[in-house]
Structure formats: structure tokens, C-alpha cells
Amino acid sequence: MFLGLRTIIYPAHDLVASKAWFTQLLGADPYFDEAFYVGFDVAGYELGLDPNGDQATGPVTYWGVADADVALAELLAAGATPRGGVQDVGAGIRAATVLEPVAGAVLGIIENPHFQLPQTPAGPGPGR
């Protein structure tokens, strides 16, 4: 079902300060910068900042799926609890979150037709 990690979204109640901190840390400006969401491209993966994110929940990780509706149905059939249905978040990207049944952790799924696996440089190094 899962195609691999795609996105992590951090709650950012002070969006301006969070954006400034991540911009400095990453050495790059966000590629998407609006009052409702800031997105950075980190080696082909999404690091998002959500001013409406729940600090108590913490960051939410989204796993890539081919079809969000099918994946959500499979998760629910496996015992997950829905947190809301599949939402179109723009540009053909669709996402949903559930609570997994064992520890109640938030698990996100995302259908993103624009995602391409990042190229990994050849040679030795971290993660290779």
C-alpha cells in the first residue's frame, strides 16, 4: 500500500518565526509560502509548516499512496480510526489521516501525482 515517505508537516503557531528558522537551517527559501501553509523541498521530500497544526498531536508524517480512497479504505478495514475523509489540498494532491489502532498515533496518507523520487548521488555517504 505505502509507496514510501513523502511529507512531514510540523505545527507552526508562529509561522513567521518557524519559516525563518527552517529557512536558515535548510539554507533555502520555501517553494510554497502562504498564510495557511509553508512548504520546503528537502531533497525531493516535503517539509511543511501548518499554522493550524495541533501541538499536542505534533508532526504528522504522510506516506505516499497510489490512490488515497483505496488506501483509506484499506486502513479502516485494518482497524484504523478515521480523522476525516480524503481532502483535495490542491494541484491534484489528496490526503487523509487516521489513528492507528495500537497506540493511537496519527498516520497520514498522500496521493501526489507530482512526486518523483529524488536522485541519490552515487558513492559512499549517509543513507547509501
Protein backbone atom coordinates (compact mmCIF):
# COMPACT_ATOMS: atom_id res chain seq x y z
CA MET A 1 0.00 0.00 0.00
CA PHE A 2 2.67 2.55 1.01
CA LEU A 3 4.94 3.83 -1.75
CA GLY A 4 7.40 5.46 0.64
CA LEU A 5 7.67 8.53 2.81
CA ARG A 6 6.60 11.78 1.19
CA THR A 7 5.82 14.58 3.63
CA ILE A 8 6.13 15.67 7.23
CA ILE A 9 4.10 18.61 8.47
CA TYR A 10 5.03 20.41 11.67
CA PRO A 11 2.60 22.53 13.69
CA ALA A 12 3.80 26.13 13.49
CA HIS A 13 1.71 28.50 15.58
CA ASP A 14 4.24 31.28 14.93
CA LEU A 15 4.50 30.69 11.19
CA VAL A 16 6.80 33.67 10.57
CA ALA A 17 9.33 32.55 13.19
CA SER A 18 9.11 28.88 12.12
CA LYS A 19 9.59 29.80 8.47
CA ALA A 20 12.61 31.95 9.32
CA TRP A 21 14.16 29.19 11.43
CA PHE A 22 13.71 26.46 8.80
CA THR A 23 14.88 28.81 6.02
CA GLN A 24 18.12 29.42 7.92
CA LEU A 25 18.51 25.76 8.89
CA LEU A 26 17.92 24.45 5.36
CA GLY A 27 19.71 27.28 3.56
CA ALA A 28 16.80 27.66 1.15
CA ASP A 29 13.59 29.62 0.87
CA PRO A 30 10.27 27.77 0.86
CA TYR A 31 8.90 26.89 -2.56
CA PHE A 32 5.34 27.46 -1.28
CA ASP A 33 4.68 30.35 1.08
CA GLU A 34 1.14 31.27 2.10
CA ALA A 35 -0.51 32.29 5.37
CA PHE A 36 -2.15 28.86 5.65
CA TYR A 37 0.91 26.69 4.83
CA VAL A 38 4.62 26.93 4.10
CA GLY A 39 6.36 24.16 2.18
CA PHE A 40 10.05 23.42 1.70
CA ASP A 41 11.54 20.97 -0.78
CA VAL A 42 14.16 18.95 1.10
CA ALA A 43 15.95 16.64 -1.33
CA GLY A 44 12.66 15.99 -3.12
CA TYR A 45 10.58 15.49 0.04
CA GLU A 46 8.13 17.93 1.61
CA LEU A 47 8.76 19.65 4.92
CA GLY A 48 5.60 21.58 5.71
CA LEU A 49 4.64 24.13 8.35
CA ASP A 50 0.99 24.36 9.37
CA PRO A 51 -0.11 27.34 11.48
CA ASN A 52 -3.28 25.42 12.37
CA GLY A 53 -1.46 22.23 13.31
CA ASP A 54 -2.14 20.70 16.71
CA GLN A 55 0.88 20.99 19.02
CA ALA A 56 -0.46 18.11 21.12
CA THR A 57 -0.51 15.83 18.06
CA GLY A 58 2.91 17.02 16.92
CA PRO A 59 4.28 16.47 13.43
CA VAL A 60 2.26 14.33 11.03
CA THR A 61 4.07 12.06 8.61
CA TYR A 62 2.42 11.23 5.29
CA TRP A 63 3.09 8.04 3.36
CA GLY A 64 2.69 8.10 -0.41
CA VAL A 65 -0.12 6.03 -1.89
CA ALA A 66 -1.32 5.47 -5.44
CA ASP A 67 -4.99 6.09 -4.60
CA ALA A 68 -5.98 7.86 -1.38
CA ASP A 69 -9.53 6.49 -1.37
CA VAL A 70 -8.38 2.89 -1.73
CA ALA A 71 -5.62 3.32 0.86
CA LEU A 72 -8.01 4.94 3.35
CA ALA A 73 -10.47 2.06 2.92
CA GLU A 74 -7.65 -0.46 3.50
CA LEU A 75 -6.51 1.34 6.65
CA LEU A 76 -10.04 1.47 8.03
CA ALA A 77 -10.57 -2.22 7.22
CA ALA A 78 -7.37 -2.95 9.15
CA GLY A 79 -8.76 -1.24 12.25
CA ALA A 80 -7.61 2.37 11.92
CA THR A 81 -9.94 5.16 13.10
CA PRO A 82 -10.65 7.95 10.60
CA ARG A 83 -9.75 11.55 11.47
CA GLY A 84 -11.54 12.84 8.38
CA GLY A 85 -12.07 11.81 4.81
CA VAL A 86 -9.77 12.30 1.87
CA GLN A 87 -9.23 16.01 1.22
CA ASP A 88 -8.10 17.67 -2.00
CA VAL A 89 -5.33 20.01 -0.87
CA GLY A 90 -4.73 21.50 -4.32
CA ALA A 91 -2.95 20.66 -7.56
CA GLY A 92 -4.43 17.16 -7.63
CA ILE A 93 -2.88 16.25 -4.28
CA ARG A 94 -5.19 14.30 -1.95
CA ALA A 95 -4.52 13.44 1.68
CA ALA A 96 -6.14 11.88 4.74
CA THR A 97 -5.17 10.96 8.28
CA VAL A 98 -6.19 8.13 10.59
CA LEU A 99 -5.35 6.96 14.07
CA GLU A 100 -3.59 3.62 14.02
CA PRO A 101 -5.30 1.11 16.30
CA VAL A 102 -2.45 0.08 18.61
CA ALA A 103 -1.08 3.33 20.09
CA GLY A 104 -3.45 5.86 18.52
CA ALA A 105 -0.67 7.58 16.59
CA VAL A 106 -1.63 9.80 13.67
CA LEU A 107 -0.79 8.23 10.32
CA GLY A 108 -1.11 10.25 7.12
CA ILE A 109 -1.51 9.15 3.52
CA ILE A 110 -0.98 11.33 0.47
CA GLU A 111 -1.69 10.81 -3.21
CA ASN A 112 0.61 13.20 -5.06
CA PRO A 113 0.75 12.85 -8.84
CA HIS A 114 3.66 15.34 -8.97
CA PHE A 115 6.03 13.44 -6.66
CA GLN A 116 9.18 11.99 -8.17
CA LEU A 117 11.74 10.06 -6.18
CA PRO A 118 14.81 12.20 -5.59
CA GLN A 119 18.06 11.19 -7.25
CA THR A 120 20.64 9.83 -4.82
CA PRO A 121 24.22 10.74 -5.65
CA ALA A 122 26.48 7.76 -6.31
CA GLY A 123 29.24 6.90 -3.89
CA PRO A 124 29.61 6.42 -0.18
CA GLY A 125 27.79 8.56 2.32
CA PRO A 126 24.93 8.71 4.78
CA GLY A 127 21.91 6.67 3.77
CA ARG A 128 23.64 4.92 0.88
